[in-house]
Amino acid sequence: MKKIFADRRVNERKLITYGFTKSGDAFEYSSRLPCGFDLHVRATMDGGVTSGLTDAATGDEYVLVHVESANGGFVGMVRAEYEAKLADIADKCFDGSIFGSLQAQEVIAYVKDRYGDELLRLWEKFPEDAVFRRRDNAKWYGVMMYLTDDKIGRSGDTYVDIIDLKATPATIASIDGKKILPAYHMNKNHWITICLDGSAETEEICRLIDESYMLAGKK
């Protein structure tokens, strides 16, 4: 189940439209599967998802669906229906994969190829935040996040992959609010934000990554 919802961001509006009901800080959903078991799903805004099956006749929990070693025709059928329904919920109630945009993938590939660095997710509670850091001094030269346009000064509530980069005064002076934006959650005197949605050409972003890498190497 964790793989089904991995790197996805819950969307409250989509949950309600699907049939979830709000219960405190969480959203709950129940549905009868063709196999005769009742599916129960609980989702929280931080991306946490728990689910399970109960026997519609007895109310007993059907735990075998979570046991990977359990096999056989019946449990296989139940597990297939269970996972298919969860996949439908993930597709219709959650926004796309974090850092799954084409340009985000191009950036990640560029950094790995040029510097040999992997994107590091340092905070389990914030999987939508990750960093690139130099191996020689452990200083960050890139911070990738997944957030809504309104967080970075654009209109709308669409989620977008972004990268924060260290920048020279000349680059910071070129902030135009479209391709290059004031840094989100970082010192605006030394960092910039770029949306990885095609607003800027990948070649230009890679040049700015090189600039950031260089600046992070200075003492």
C-alpha atoms as a PDB file:
ATOM      1  CA  MET A   1       0.000   0.000   0.000  1.00  0.00           C
ATOM      2  CA  LYS A   2       2.853   2.390   0.780  1.00  0.00           C
ATOM      3  CA  LYS A   3       4.034   2.178  -2.833  1.00  0.00           C
ATOM      4  CA  ILE A   4       0.584   3.143  -4.121  1.00  0.00           C
ATOM      5  CA  PHE A   5       0.603   6.440  -2.220  1.00  0.00           C
ATOM      6  CA  ALA A   6       4.366   7.073  -2.244  1.00  0.00           C
ATOM      7  CA  ASP A   7       5.384  10.672  -3.003  1.00  0.00           C
ATOM      8  CA  ARG A   8       1.799  11.807  -3.495  1.00  0.00           C
ATOM      9  CA  ARG A   9       0.100  14.879  -2.057  1.00  0.00           C
ATOM     10  CA  VAL A  10      -3.456  14.603  -0.740  1.00  0.00           C
ATOM     11  CA  ASN A  11      -6.025  16.968  -2.273  1.00  0.00           C
ATOM     12  CA  GLU A  12      -8.873  17.852   0.087  1.00  0.00           C
ATOM     13  CA  ARG A  13     -11.267  18.915  -2.656  1.00  0.00           C
ATOM     14  CA  LYS A  14     -10.719  15.682  -4.572  1.00  0.00           C
ATOM     15  CA  LEU A  15     -11.233  13.597  -1.415  1.00  0.00           C
ATOM     16  CA  ILE A  16     -14.623  15.189  -0.756  1.00  0.00           C
ATOM     17  CA  THR A  17     -15.663  14.788  -4.391  1.00  0.00           C
ATOM     18  CA  TYR A  18     -14.711  11.099  -4.267  1.00  0.00           C
ATOM     19  CA  GLY A  19     -16.872  10.472  -1.212  1.00  0.00           C
ATOM     20  CA  PHE A  20     -14.569  10.934   1.769  1.00  0.00           C
ATOM     21  CA  THR A  21     -16.040  12.601   4.842  1.00  0.00           C
ATOM     22  CA  LYS A  22     -14.053  14.855   7.156  1.00  0.00           C
ATOM     23  CA  SER A  23     -13.554  13.595  10.696  1.00  0.00           C
ATOM     24  CA  GLY A  24     -11.467  15.950  12.807  1.00  0.00           C
ATOM     25  CA  ASP A  25      -8.141  16.407  11.053  1.00  0.00           C
ATOM     26  CA  ALA A  26      -8.631  13.340   8.865  1.00  0.00           C
ATOM     27  CA  PHE A  27     -10.811  12.123   5.999  1.00  0.00           C
ATOM     28  CA  GLU A  28     -12.527   8.744   6.042  1.00  0.00           C
ATOM     29  CA  TYR A  29     -14.033   6.568   3.349  1.00  0.00           C
ATOM     30  CA  SER A  30     -15.763   3.175   3.264  1.00  0.00           C
ATOM     31  CA  SER A  31     -16.845   1.069   0.315  1.00  0.00           C
ATOM     32  CA  ARG A  32     -18.111  -2.481  -0.306  1.00  0.00           C
ATOM     33  CA  LEU A  33     -15.819  -4.402  -2.663  1.00  0.00           C
ATOM     34  CA  PRO A  34     -17.141  -7.044  -5.084  1.00  0.00           C
ATOM     35  CA  CYS A  35     -15.478  -9.754  -2.965  1.00  0.00           C
ATOM     36  CA  GLY A  36     -17.862  -8.936  -0.115  1.00  0.00           C
ATOM     37  CA  PHE A  37     -15.412  -7.152   2.162  1.00  0.00           C
ATOM     38  CA  ASP A  38     -15.731  -3.555   3.302  1.00  0.00           C
ATOM     39  CA  LEU A  39     -12.798  -1.267   2.553  1.00  0.00           C
ATOM     40  CA  HIS A  40     -11.957   1.464   5.077  1.00  0.00           C
ATOM     41  CA  VAL A  41      -9.504   4.262   4.250  1.00  0.00           C
ATOM     42  CA  ARG A  42      -8.283   7.102   6.450  1.00  0.00           C
ATOM     43  CA  ALA A  43      -6.196   9.944   4.990  1.00  0.00           C
ATOM     44  CA  THR A  44      -4.589  12.950   6.661  1.00  0.00           C
ATOM     45  CA  MET A  45      -3.432  16.191   5.072  1.00  0.00           C
ATOM     46  CA  ASP A  46       0.214  15.362   5.758  1.00  0.00           C
ATOM     47  CA  GLY A  47      -0.105  12.457   3.334  1.00  0.00           C
ATOM     48  CA  GLY A  48      -0.619   9.671   5.849  1.00  0.00           C
ATOM     49  CA  VAL A  49      -2.918   6.888   4.630  1.00  0.00           C
ATOM     50  CA  THR A  50      -4.145   3.835   6.506  1.00  0.00           C
ATOM     51  CA  SER A  51      -6.539   1.228   5.164  1.00  0.00           C
ATOM     52  CA  GLY A  52      -7.991  -2.160   5.874  1.00  0.00           C
ATOM     53  CA  LEU A  53     -10.737  -4.653   5.113  1.00  0.00           C
ATOM     54  CA  THR A  54     -13.496  -6.031   7.304  1.00  0.00           C
ATOM     55  CA  ASP A  55     -15.871  -8.906   6.690  1.00  0.00           C
ATOM     56  CA  ALA A  56     -19.229  -7.395   5.741  1.00  0.00           C
ATOM     57  CA  ALA A  57     -21.107 -10.144   7.620  1.00  0.00           C
ATOM     58  CA  THR A  58     -19.101 -10.362  10.840  1.00  0.00           C
ATOM     59  CA  GLY A  59     -17.217  -7.088  11.024  1.00  0.00           C
ATOM     60  CA  ASP A  60     -13.964  -8.998  11.588  1.00  0.00           C
ATOM     61  CA  GLU A  61     -10.791  -7.539  10.125  1.00  0.00           C
ATOM     62  CA  TYR A  62      -9.355  -9.460   7.182  1.00  0.00           C
ATOM     63  CA  VAL A  63      -5.651  -9.272   7.983  1.00  0.00           C
ATOM     64  CA  LEU A  64      -4.386 -11.675   5.308  1.00  0.00           C
ATOM     65  CA  VAL A  65      -4.591  -8.923   2.715  1.00  0.00           C
ATOM     66  CA  HIS A  66      -1.574  -7.326   4.441  1.00  0.00           C
ATOM     67  CA  VAL A  67       0.449 -10.561   4.707  1.00  0.00           C
ATOM     68  CA  GLU A  68       2.745 -10.784   1.692  1.00  0.00           C
ATOM     69  CA  SER A  69       3.405 -14.484   2.225  1.00  0.00           C
ATOM     70  CA  ALA A  70      -0.321 -15.299   2.174  1.00  0.00           C
ATOM     71  CA  ASN A  71      -1.278 -16.767  -1.184  1.00  0.00           C
ATOM     72  CA  GLY A  72      -4.021 -18.784  -2.787  1.00  0.00           C
ATOM     73  CA  GLY A  73      -6.850 -18.040  -5.140  1.00  0.00           C
ATOM     74  CA  PHE A  74      -9.185 -16.343  -2.693  1.00  0.00           C
ATOM     75  CA  VAL A  75      -6.693 -14.089  -0.926  1.00  0.00           C
ATOM     76  CA  GLY A  76      -5.205 -13.226  -4.321  1.00  0.00           C
ATOM     77  CA  MET A  77      -8.594 -12.122  -5.613  1.00  0.00           C
ATOM     78  CA  VAL A  78      -9.286 -10.051  -2.489  1.00  0.00           C
ATOM     79  CA  ARG A  79      -5.856  -8.424  -2.603  1.00  0.00           C
ATOM     80  CA  ALA A  80      -6.283  -7.543  -6.284  1.00  0.00           C
ATOM     81  CA  GLU A  81      -9.627  -5.816  -5.635  1.00  0.00           C
ATOM     82  CA  TYR A  82      -8.215  -4.083  -2.549  1.00  0.00           C
ATOM     83  CA  GLU A  83      -5.151  -2.719  -4.329  1.00  0.00           C
ATOM     84  CA  ALA A  84      -7.137  -1.719  -7.428  1.00  0.00           C
ATOM     85  CA  LYS A  85      -9.479   0.387  -5.284  1.00  0.00           C
ATOM     86  CA  LEU A  86      -6.572   2.005  -3.438  1.00  0.00           C
ATOM     87  CA  ALA A  87      -4.887   2.776  -6.757  1.00  0.00           C
ATOM     88  CA  ASP A  88      -8.100   4.436  -7.956  1.00  0.00           C
ATOM     89  CA  ILE A  89      -8.188   6.566  -4.802  1.00  0.00           C
ATOM     90  CA  ALA A  90      -4.521   7.520  -5.236  1.00  0.00           C
ATOM     91  CA  ASP A  91      -5.156   8.518  -8.849  1.00  0.00           C
ATOM     92  CA  LYS A  92      -8.337  10.504  -8.227  1.00  0.00           C
ATOM     93  CA  CYS A  93      -7.766  11.997  -4.767  1.00  0.00           C
ATOM     94  CA  PHE A  94      -4.058  12.759  -4.726  1.00  0.00           C
ATOM     95  CA  ASP A  95      -1.967  15.097  -6.830  1.00  0.00           C
ATOM     96  CA  GLY A  96       0.853  13.808  -8.978  1.00  0.00           C
ATOM     97  CA  SER A  97       4.134  12.445  -7.797  1.00  0.00           C
ATOM     98  CA  ILE A  98       6.471  14.791  -5.965  1.00  0.00           C
ATOM     99  CA  PHE A  99       9.386  15.694  -8.265  1.00  0.00           C
ATOM    100  CA  GLY A 100       7.698  13.671 -10.987  1.00  0.00           C
ATOM    101  CA  SER A 101       7.525  16.452 -13.561  1.00  0.00           C
ATOM    102  CA  LEU A 102       9.678  16.100 -16.664  1.00  0.00           C
ATOM    103  CA  GLN A 103      11.808  19.109 -15.793  1.00  0.00           C
ATOM    104  CA  ALA A 104      12.305  17.968 -12.196  1.00  0.00           C
ATOM    105  CA  GLN A 105      13.521  14.624 -13.499  1.00  0.00           C
ATOM    106  CA  GLU A 106      15.856  16.403 -15.938  1.00  0.00           C
ATOM    107  CA  VAL A 107      17.317  18.456 -13.080  1.00  0.00           C
ATOM    108  CA  ILE A 108      17.823  15.402 -10.885  1.00  0.00           C
ATOM    109  CA  ALA A 109      19.508  13.561 -13.760  1.00  0.00           C
ATOM    110  CA  TYR A 110      21.747  16.539 -14.553  1.00  0.00           C
ATOM    111  CA  VAL A 111      22.993  16.863 -10.969  1.00  0.00           C
ATOM    112  CA  LYS A 112      23.690  13.141 -10.737  1.00  0.00           C
ATOM    113  CA  ASP A 113      25.559  13.102 -14.047  1.00  0.00           C
ATOM    114  CA  ARG A 114      27.619  16.262 -13.450  1.00  0.00           C
ATOM    115  CA  TYR A 115      28.291  16.100  -9.711  1.00  0.00           C
ATOM    116  CA  GLY A 116      27.400  12.551  -8.756  1.00  0.00           C
ATOM    117  CA  ASP A 117      24.987  13.808  -6.113  1.00  0.00           C
ATOM    118  CA  GLU A 118      21.631  12.249  -5.284  1.00  0.00           C
ATOM    119  CA  LEU A 119      18.585  14.147  -4.097  1.00  0.00           C
ATOM    120  CA  LEU A 120      18.505  13.697  -0.313  1.00  0.00           C
ATOM    121  CA  ARG A 121      15.247  13.508   1.609  1.00  0.00           C
ATOM    122  CA  LEU A 122      16.357  14.470   5.091  1.00  0.00           C
ATOM    123  CA  TRP A 123      12.996  14.792   6.822  1.00  0.00           C
ATOM    124  CA  GLU A 124      10.615  11.835   7.061  1.00  0.00           C
ATOM    125  CA  LYS A 125       7.703  14.112   7.976  1.00  0.00           C
ATOM    126  CA  PHE A 126       8.351  16.331   4.947  1.00  0.00           C
ATOM    127  CA  PRO A 127       8.947  14.025   1.958  1.00  0.00           C
ATOM    128  CA  GLU A 128       8.160  16.937  -0.363  1.00  0.00           C
ATOM    129  CA  ASP A 129      11.378  18.690   0.763  1.00  0.00           C
ATOM    130  CA  ALA A 130      14.792  17.444  -0.347  1.00  0.00           C
ATOM    131  CA  VAL A 131      18.273  18.821  -0.929  1.00  0.00           C
ATOM    132  CA  PHE A 132      21.364  18.585  -3.067  1.00  0.00           C
ATOM    133  CA  ARG A 133      24.519  19.091  -1.044  1.00  0.00           C
ATOM    134  CA  ARG A 134      28.212  19.130  -1.821  1.00  0.00           C
ATOM    135  CA  ARG A 135      30.137  16.120  -0.653  1.00  0.00           C
ATOM    136  CA  ASP A 136      33.265  18.068   0.241  1.00  0.00           C
ATOM    137  CA  ASN A 137      31.696  20.443   2.756  1.00  0.00           C
ATOM    138  CA  ALA A 138      28.075  19.171   3.097  1.00  0.00           C
ATOM    139  CA  LYS A 139      26.697  22.594   2.143  1.00  0.00           C
ATOM    140  CA  TRP A 140      23.397  22.712   0.292  1.00  0.00           C
ATOM    141  CA  TYR A 141      23.358  24.062  -3.241  1.00  0.00           C
ATOM    142  CA  GLY A 142      19.794  23.086  -4.119  1.00  0.00           C
ATOM    143  CA  VAL A 143      16.539  22.614  -2.248  1.00  0.00           C
ATOM    144  CA  MET A 144      13.626  20.977  -4.045  1.00  0.00           C
ATOM    145  CA  MET A 145      10.077  21.328  -2.798  1.00  0.00           C
ATOM    146  CA  TYR A 146       6.564  20.543  -3.953  1.00  0.00           C
ATOM    147  CA  LEU A 147       4.024  23.242  -3.133  1.00  0.00           C
ATOM    148  CA  THR A 148       1.231  25.406  -4.471  1.00  0.00           C
ATOM    149  CA  ASP A 149       1.636  28.429  -6.732  1.00  0.00           C
ATOM    150  CA  ASP A 150       0.290  30.825  -4.097  1.00  0.00           C
ATOM    151  CA  LYS A 151       3.152  29.875  -1.755  1.00  0.00           C
ATOM    152  CA  ILE A 152       5.677  31.368  -4.166  1.00  0.00           C
ATOM    153  CA  GLY A 153       3.728  34.475  -5.119  1.00  0.00           C
ATOM    154  CA  ARG A 154       1.891  33.157  -8.171  1.00  0.00           C
ATOM    155  CA  SER A 155      -1.878  32.892  -8.452  1.00  0.00           C
ATOM    156  CA  GLY A 156      -3.672  29.592  -8.058  1.00  0.00           C
ATOM    157  CA  ASP A 157      -3.454  26.500  -5.879  1.00  0.00           C
ATOM    158  CA  THR A 158      -1.879  24.095  -8.365  1.00  0.00           C
ATOM    159  CA  TYR A 159       1.050  22.085  -7.005  1.00  0.00           C
ATOM    160  CA  VAL A 160       4.386  22.548  -8.721  1.00  0.00           C
ATOM    161  CA  ASP A 161       7.933  21.233  -8.285  1.00  0.00           C
ATOM    162  CA  ILE A 162      10.384  24.012  -7.444  1.00  0.00           C
ATOM    163  CA  ILE A 163      14.097  24.314  -6.766  1.00  0.00           C
ATOM    164  CA  ASP A 164      15.817  26.897  -4.594  1.00  0.00           C
ATOM    165  CA  LEU A 165      19.371  27.766  -5.656  1.00  0.00           C
ATOM    166  CA  LYS A 166      22.123  29.950  -4.265  1.00  0.00           C
ATOM    167  CA  ALA A 167      22.667  32.887  -6.595  1.00  0.00           C
ATOM    168  CA  THR A 168      24.977  35.793  -7.309  1.00  0.00           C
ATOM    169  CA  PRO A 169      23.785  39.381  -6.776  1.00  0.00           C
ATOM    170  CA  ALA A 170      23.490  39.748 -10.558  1.00  0.00           C
ATOM    171  CA  THR A 171      21.183  36.749 -10.804  1.00  0.00           C
ATOM    172  CA  ILE A 172      19.079  37.925  -7.867  1.00  0.00           C
ATOM    173  CA  ALA A 173      18.750  41.302  -9.582  1.00  0.00           C
ATOM    174  CA  SER A 174      17.281  39.495 -12.596  1.00  0.00           C
ATOM    175  CA  ILE A 175      14.278  38.166 -10.661  1.00  0.00           C
ATOM    176  CA  ASP A 176      11.267  38.695 -12.910  1.00  0.00           C
ATOM    177  CA  GLY A 177       8.497  36.870 -11.023  1.00  0.00           C
ATOM    178  CA  LYS A 178       8.061  34.450 -13.914  1.00  0.00           C
ATOM    179  CA  LYS A 179      11.203  32.465 -14.669  1.00  0.00           C
ATOM    180  CA  ILE A 180      13.114  33.486 -11.539  1.00  0.00           C
ATOM    181  CA  LEU A 181      11.285  34.229  -8.304  1.00  0.00           C
ATOM    182  CA  PRO A 182      12.230  35.418  -4.817  1.00  0.00           C
ATOM    183  CA  ALA A 183      13.454  32.475  -2.770  1.00  0.00           C
ATOM    184  CA  TYR A 184      10.803  30.522  -0.913  1.00  0.00           C
ATOM    185  CA  HIS A 185      11.720  29.627   2.681  1.00  0.00           C
ATOM    186  CA  MET A 186      15.353  30.682   2.163  1.00  0.00           C
ATOM    187  CA  ASN A 187      17.330  33.921   2.535  1.00  0.00           C
ATOM    188  CA  LYS A 188      16.162  36.079  -0.358  1.00  0.00           C
ATOM    189  CA  ASN A 189      19.492  37.927  -0.405  1.00  0.00           C
ATOM    190  CA  HIS A 190      21.348  34.764  -1.387  1.00  0.00           C
ATOM    191  CA  TRP A 191      18.819  32.348  -2.915  1.00  0.00           C
ATOM    192  CA  ILE A 192      16.292  32.247  -5.749  1.00  0.00           C
ATOM    193  CA  THR A 193      13.365  29.985  -6.615  1.00  0.00           C
ATOM    194  CA  ILE A 194      12.724  28.432 -10.017  1.00  0.00           C
ATOM    195  CA  CYS A 195       9.557  26.525 -10.930  1.00  0.00           C
ATOM    196  CA  LEU A 196      10.229  23.261 -12.720  1.00  0.00           C
ATOM    197  CA  ASP A 197       7.217  23.570 -14.993  1.00  0.00           C
ATOM    198  CA  GLY A 198       8.807  24.898 -18.148  1.00  0.00           C
ATOM    199  CA  SER A 199       8.776  28.545 -17.071  1.00  0.00           C
ATOM    200  CA  ALA A 200      12.541  28.510 -17.536  1.00  0.00           C
ATOM    201  CA  GLU A 201      14.533  26.452 -20.029  1.00  0.00           C
ATOM    202  CA  THR A 202      16.256  23.406 -18.555  1.00  0.00           C
ATOM    203  CA  GLU A 203      19.589  24.601 -19.988  1.00  0.00           C
ATOM    204  CA  GLU A 204      19.253  27.873 -18.068  1.00  0.00           C
ATOM    205  CA  ILE A 205      18.331  26.030 -14.867  1.00  0.00           C
ATOM    206  CA  CYS A 206      21.388  23.804 -15.217  1.00  0.00           C
ATOM    207  CA  ARG A 207      23.593  26.892 -15.610  1.00  0.00           C
ATOM    208  CA  LEU A 208      22.118  28.298 -12.396  1.00  0.00           C
ATOM    209  CA  ILE A 209      22.693  24.961 -10.645  1.00  0.00           C
ATOM    210  CA  ASP A 210      26.377  25.223 -11.626  1.00  0.00           C
ATOM    211  CA  GLU A 211      26.444  28.745 -10.221  1.00  0.00           C
ATOM    212  CA  SER A 212      24.864  27.569  -6.983  1.00  0.00           C
ATOM    213  CA  TYR A 213      27.293  24.657  -6.680  1.00  0.00           C
ATOM    214  CA  MET A 214      30.205  27.066  -7.075  1.00  0.00           C
ATOM    215  CA  LEU A 215      28.822  29.488  -4.466  1.00  0.00           C
ATOM    216  CA  ALA A 216      28.253  26.656  -1.984  1.00  0.00           C
ATOM    217  CA  GLY A 217      31.926  25.760  -2.276  1.00  0.00           C
ATOM    218  CA  LYS A 218      33.117  29.161  -1.082  1.00  0.00           C
ATOM    219  CA  LYS A 219      34.216  29.580   2.523  1.00  0.00           C
END
